[in-house]
Amino acid sequence: MTRRIFALAGLWSVLAFALNLLWEVAQVRLYTIWAAADRMSVAWALLHCTLGDVVIALVLFALAGVVLRCADWPGLRPWTGGAIVVLGALTYTAWSEWFNVYRAGSWGYTPSMPMIFGIGLAPLLQWLILPPVMVAVYRKLRSLVFPATLDAQQDFTRSRL
């Protein structure tokens, strides 16, 4: 069972890395680092931010699993688990953007960053859009990656309800 949980979390992490890297590349020009830093610094920032996004996604994957008492919540309880991830990520991101832009000065926005209540809209949309996409792709891939164990997991989960 533990191996399966790690495998499910691994699939979630791979999806989080791929989708968040694409998002980070797409939104980097909305941050001041794009114009102020050399290519290596921008590349490092993209990797650093993407890995941070993976940590956020993985922590919220685990939180949803604990709350729902189901490690395979994207496959079995996608709406509820997805809502937990979106709400948790939006809350954390709003705080993190505010703190890092206005308190710590770790990064800044360009004038082209759309804002909502002083927070960049792009990072908020990231966590509104990507988790549902991750859930949808996860559901498609899990049957390919874990075909033999799906029925047993679903039967186990149903018997606990």
C-alpha atoms as a PDB file:
ATOM      1  CA  MET A   1       0.000   0.000   0.000  1.00  0.00           C
ATOM      2  CA  THR A   2       2.837   2.429   0.828  1.00  0.00           C
ATOM      3  CA  ARG A   3       4.494   1.796  -2.537  1.00  0.00           C
ATOM      4  CA  ARG A   4       1.204   2.561  -4.246  1.00  0.00           C
ATOM      5  CA  ILE A   5       0.798   5.829  -2.336  1.00  0.00           C
ATOM      6  CA  PHE A   6       4.313   6.891  -3.332  1.00  0.00           C
ATOM      7  CA  ALA A   7       3.595   5.910  -6.942  1.00  0.00           C
ATOM      8  CA  LEU A   8       0.370   7.963  -6.974  1.00  0.00           C
ATOM      9  CA  ALA A   9       2.179  10.918  -5.406  1.00  0.00           C
ATOM     10  CA  GLY A  10       4.941  10.473  -7.969  1.00  0.00           C
ATOM     11  CA  LEU A  11       2.477  10.680 -10.837  1.00  0.00           C
ATOM     12  CA  TRP A  12       0.967  13.824  -9.283  1.00  0.00           C
ATOM     13  CA  SER A  13       4.458  15.325  -8.866  1.00  0.00           C
ATOM     14  CA  VAL A  14       5.439  14.660 -12.479  1.00  0.00           C
ATOM     15  CA  LEU A  15       2.254  16.327 -13.676  1.00  0.00           C
ATOM     16  CA  ALA A  16       2.821  19.237 -11.300  1.00  0.00           C
ATOM     17  CA  PHE A  17       6.379  19.701 -12.564  1.00  0.00           C
ATOM     18  CA  ALA A  18       5.477  19.602 -16.259  1.00  0.00           C
ATOM     19  CA  LEU A  19       2.423  21.862 -16.083  1.00  0.00           C
ATOM     20  CA  ASN A  20       3.911  24.352 -13.620  1.00  0.00           C
ATOM     21  CA  LEU A  21       7.131  24.639 -15.635  1.00  0.00           C
ATOM     22  CA  LEU A  22       5.063  25.527 -18.697  1.00  0.00           C
ATOM     23  CA  TRP A  23       3.109  28.065 -16.653  1.00  0.00           C
ATOM     24  CA  GLU A  24       6.256  29.591 -15.135  1.00  0.00           C
ATOM     25  CA  VAL A  25       7.824  29.990 -18.580  1.00  0.00           C
ATOM     26  CA  ALA A  26       4.622  31.619 -19.852  1.00  0.00           C
ATOM     27  CA  GLN A  27       4.371  34.107 -16.972  1.00  0.00           C
ATOM     28  CA  VAL A  28       8.040  34.968 -16.343  1.00  0.00           C
ATOM     29  CA  ARG A  29       7.826  38.144 -18.432  1.00  0.00           C
ATOM     30  CA  LEU A  30       5.277  39.494 -15.959  1.00  0.00           C
ATOM     31  CA  TYR A  31       7.998  39.575 -13.273  1.00  0.00           C
ATOM     32  CA  THR A  32      10.872  42.046 -13.076  1.00  0.00           C
ATOM     33  CA  ILE A  33      13.503  39.299 -13.134  1.00  0.00           C
ATOM     34  CA  TRP A  34      12.922  38.857 -16.871  1.00  0.00           C
ATOM     35  CA  ALA A  35      14.451  42.262 -17.705  1.00  0.00           C
ATOM     36  CA  ALA A  36      16.828  42.541 -14.758  1.00  0.00           C
ATOM     37  CA  ALA A  37      18.691  39.228 -14.834  1.00  0.00           C
ATOM     38  CA  ASP A  38      20.884  37.207 -17.166  1.00  0.00           C
ATOM     39  CA  ARG A  39      19.661  34.003 -18.811  1.00  0.00           C
ATOM     40  CA  MET A  40      21.142  31.689 -16.183  1.00  0.00           C
ATOM     41  CA  SER A  41      19.466  33.630 -13.376  1.00  0.00           C
ATOM     42  CA  VAL A  42      16.137  33.470 -15.195  1.00  0.00           C
ATOM     43  CA  ALA A  43      16.601  29.734 -15.812  1.00  0.00           C
ATOM     44  CA  TRP A  44      17.444  29.197 -12.141  1.00  0.00           C
ATOM     45  CA  ALA A  45      14.389  31.222 -11.088  1.00  0.00           C
ATOM     46  CA  LEU A  46      12.171  29.141 -13.390  1.00  0.00           C
ATOM     47  CA  LEU A  47      13.522  25.884 -11.957  1.00  0.00           C
ATOM     48  CA  HIS A  48      13.345  27.164  -8.370  1.00  0.00           C
ATOM     49  CA  CYS A  49       9.767  28.398  -8.753  1.00  0.00           C
ATOM     50  CA  THR A  50       8.677  25.220 -10.528  1.00  0.00           C
ATOM     51  CA  LEU A  51      10.130  23.036  -7.772  1.00  0.00           C
ATOM     52  CA  GLY A  52       8.350  25.233  -5.221  1.00  0.00           C
ATOM     53  CA  ASP A  53       5.121  24.717  -7.151  1.00  0.00           C
ATOM     54  CA  VAL A  54       5.690  20.948  -7.040  1.00  0.00           C
ATOM     55  CA  VAL A  55       6.107  21.123  -3.252  1.00  0.00           C
ATOM     56  CA  ILE A  56       2.870  23.114  -2.954  1.00  0.00           C
ATOM     57  CA  ALA A  57       1.047  20.635  -5.196  1.00  0.00           C
ATOM     58  CA  LEU A  58       2.436  17.621  -3.331  1.00  0.00           C
ATOM     59  CA  VAL A  59       1.606  18.994   0.120  1.00  0.00           C
ATOM     60  CA  LEU A  60      -1.943  19.718  -1.014  1.00  0.00           C
ATOM     61  CA  PHE A  61      -2.191  16.294  -2.675  1.00  0.00           C
ATOM     62  CA  ALA A  62      -1.299  14.780   0.703  1.00  0.00           C
ATOM     63  CA  LEU A  63      -3.665  17.110   2.592  1.00  0.00           C
ATOM     64  CA  ALA A  64      -6.551  16.170   0.302  1.00  0.00           C
ATOM     65  CA  GLY A  65      -5.659  12.498   0.764  1.00  0.00           C
ATOM     66  CA  VAL A  66      -5.703  12.833   4.553  1.00  0.00           C
ATOM     67  CA  VAL A  67      -8.929  14.850   4.633  1.00  0.00           C
ATOM     68  CA  LEU A  68     -10.670  12.444   2.247  1.00  0.00           C
ATOM     69  CA  ARG A  69      -8.942   9.364   3.705  1.00  0.00           C
ATOM     70  CA  CYS A  70      -8.131   8.290   0.155  1.00  0.00           C
ATOM     71  CA  ALA A  71      -4.678   8.307  -1.433  1.00  0.00           C
ATOM     72  CA  ASP A  72      -6.173   8.057  -4.924  1.00  0.00           C
ATOM     73  CA  TRP A  73      -8.559  10.962  -4.481  1.00  0.00           C
ATOM     74  CA  PRO A  74      -7.960  12.368  -8.009  1.00  0.00           C
ATOM     75  CA  GLY A  75      -9.282   9.103  -9.393  1.00  0.00           C
ATOM     76  CA  LEU A  76     -12.019   8.425  -6.864  1.00  0.00           C
ATOM     77  CA  ARG A  77     -13.050  11.831  -5.436  1.00  0.00           C
ATOM     78  CA  PRO A  78     -11.811  14.362  -8.000  1.00  0.00           C
ATOM     79  CA  TRP A  79     -14.225  17.200  -7.278  1.00  0.00           C
ATOM     80  CA  THR A  80     -13.780  17.307  -3.534  1.00  0.00           C
ATOM     81  CA  GLY A  81     -10.043  16.706  -3.612  1.00  0.00           C
ATOM     82  CA  GLY A  82      -9.595  19.202  -6.426  1.00  0.00           C
ATOM     83  CA  ALA A  83     -11.472  21.831  -4.431  1.00  0.00           C
ATOM     84  CA  ILE A  84      -9.181  21.238  -1.442  1.00  0.00           C
ATOM     85  CA  VAL A  85      -6.113  21.661  -3.650  1.00  0.00           C
ATOM     86  CA  VAL A  86      -7.413  24.782  -5.408  1.00  0.00           C
ATOM     87  CA  LEU A  87      -8.507  26.509  -2.174  1.00  0.00           C
ATOM     88  CA  GLY A  88      -5.309  25.603  -0.352  1.00  0.00           C
ATOM     89  CA  ALA A  89      -3.083  26.670  -3.231  1.00  0.00           C
ATOM     90  CA  LEU A  90      -4.938  29.934  -3.805  1.00  0.00           C
ATOM     91  CA  THR A  91      -4.707  30.791  -0.117  1.00  0.00           C
ATOM     92  CA  TYR A  92      -1.006  29.998   0.095  1.00  0.00           C
ATOM     93  CA  THR A  93      -0.208  31.754  -3.192  1.00  0.00           C
ATOM     94  CA  ALA A  94      -2.047  34.939  -2.225  1.00  0.00           C
ATOM     95  CA  TRP A  95      -0.075  35.082   1.026  1.00  0.00           C
ATOM     96  CA  SER A  96       3.224  34.148  -0.633  1.00  0.00           C
ATOM     97  CA  GLU A  97       2.875  36.720  -3.412  1.00  0.00           C
ATOM     98  CA  TRP A  98       1.958  39.442  -0.930  1.00  0.00           C
ATOM     99  CA  PHE A  99       4.787  38.531   1.420  1.00  0.00           C
ATOM    100  CA  ASN A 100       7.479  38.124  -1.236  1.00  0.00           C
ATOM    101  CA  VAL A 101       6.529  41.228  -3.230  1.00  0.00           C
ATOM    102  CA  TYR A 102       5.648  43.677  -0.447  1.00  0.00           C
ATOM    103  CA  ARG A 103       7.470  42.465   2.674  1.00  0.00           C
ATOM    104  CA  ALA A 104      10.548  40.466   1.657  1.00  0.00           C
ATOM    105  CA  GLY A 105      11.110  42.083  -1.731  1.00  0.00           C
ATOM    106  CA  SER A 106      12.086  38.713  -3.190  1.00  0.00           C
ATOM    107  CA  TRP A 107      10.470  39.497  -6.538  1.00  0.00           C
ATOM    108  CA  GLY A 108       8.445  42.196  -8.226  1.00  0.00           C
ATOM    109  CA  TYR A 109       5.832  42.611 -10.921  1.00  0.00           C
ATOM    110  CA  THR A 110       6.194  44.438 -14.204  1.00  0.00           C
ATOM    111  CA  PRO A 111       3.509  46.993 -15.107  1.00  0.00           C
ATOM    112  CA  SER A 112       1.998  44.406 -17.466  1.00  0.00           C
ATOM    113  CA  MET A 113       1.083  42.023 -14.591  1.00  0.00           C
ATOM    114  CA  PRO A 114      -2.707  42.122 -14.138  1.00  0.00           C
ATOM    115  CA  MET A 115      -3.498  42.682 -10.474  1.00  0.00           C
ATOM    116  CA  ILE A 116      -6.300  41.781  -8.117  1.00  0.00           C
ATOM    117  CA  PHE A 117      -6.183  43.367  -4.652  1.00  0.00           C
ATOM    118  CA  GLY A 118      -2.482  44.099  -5.204  1.00  0.00           C
ATOM    119  CA  ILE A 119      -1.629  40.471  -5.995  1.00  0.00           C
ATOM    120  CA  GLY A 120      -0.553  39.272  -9.433  1.00  0.00           C
ATOM    121  CA  LEU A 121      -3.423  37.627 -11.279  1.00  0.00           C
ATOM    122  CA  ALA A 122      -1.173  35.190 -13.200  1.00  0.00           C
ATOM    123  CA  PRO A 123      -0.005  33.222 -10.130  1.00  0.00           C
ATOM    124  CA  LEU A 124      -3.569  33.083  -8.809  1.00  0.00           C
ATOM    125  CA  LEU A 125      -4.868  31.809 -12.146  1.00  0.00           C
ATOM    126  CA  GLN A 126      -2.075  29.242 -12.106  1.00  0.00           C
ATOM    127  CA  TRP A 127      -3.620  27.569  -9.059  1.00  0.00           C
ATOM    128  CA  LEU A 128      -7.171  28.024 -10.276  1.00  0.00           C
ATOM    129  CA  ILE A 129      -6.484  26.413 -13.666  1.00  0.00           C
ATOM    130  CA  LEU A 130      -3.678  23.871 -13.214  1.00  0.00           C
ATOM    131  CA  PRO A 131      -5.073  21.645 -10.411  1.00  0.00           C
ATOM    132  CA  PRO A 132      -8.223  20.735 -12.386  1.00  0.00           C
ATOM    133  CA  VAL A 133      -6.034  20.044 -15.433  1.00  0.00           C
ATOM    134  CA  MET A 134      -3.736  17.918 -13.262  1.00  0.00           C
ATOM    135  CA  VAL A 135      -6.719  15.945 -11.946  1.00  0.00           C
ATOM    136  CA  ALA A 136      -8.033  15.353 -15.475  1.00  0.00           C
ATOM    137  CA  VAL A 137      -4.649  14.225 -16.824  1.00  0.00           C
ATOM    138  CA  TYR A 138      -4.001  12.137 -13.708  1.00  0.00           C
ATOM    139  CA  ARG A 139      -7.312  10.327 -14.235  1.00  0.00           C
ATOM    140  CA  LYS A 140      -6.370   9.567 -17.855  1.00  0.00           C
ATOM    141  CA  LEU A 141      -2.838   8.408 -17.005  1.00  0.00           C
ATOM    142  CA  ARG A 142      -3.560   6.418 -13.855  1.00  0.00           C
ATOM    143  CA  SER A 143      -5.363   3.684 -15.765  1.00  0.00           C
ATOM    144  CA  LEU A 144      -2.321   3.353 -18.030  1.00  0.00           C
ATOM    145  CA  VAL A 145       0.241   3.489 -15.221  1.00  0.00           C
ATOM    146  CA  PHE A 146      -1.634   1.385 -12.630  1.00  0.00           C
ATOM    147  CA  PRO A 147      -4.070  -0.821 -14.597  1.00  0.00           C
ATOM    148  CA  ALA A 148      -3.894  -3.960 -12.440  1.00  0.00           C
ATOM    149  CA  THR A 149      -4.523  -2.238  -9.131  1.00  0.00           C
ATOM    150  CA  LEU A 150      -7.371   0.117  -9.988  1.00  0.00           C
ATOM    151  CA  ASP A 151     -10.233  -2.296  -9.415  1.00  0.00           C
ATOM    152  CA  ALA A 152      -8.823  -3.495  -6.093  1.00  0.00           C
ATOM    153  CA  GLN A 153      -8.378   0.097  -4.874  1.00  0.00           C
ATOM    154  CA  GLN A 154     -11.877   1.113  -5.941  1.00  0.00           C
ATOM    155  CA  ASP A 155     -13.411  -1.953  -4.294  1.00  0.00           C
ATOM    156  CA  PHE A 156     -11.442  -1.256  -1.087  1.00  0.00           C
ATOM    157  CA  THR A 157     -12.543   2.380  -1.053  1.00  0.00           C
ATOM    158  CA  ARG A 158     -16.196   1.526  -1.715  1.00  0.00           C
ATOM    159  CA  SER A 159     -16.197  -1.083   1.067  1.00  0.00           C
ATOM    160  CA  ARG A 160     -15.021   1.582   3.536  1.00  0.00           C
ATOM    161  CA  LEU A 161     -17.851   3.993   2.658  1.00  0.00           C
END
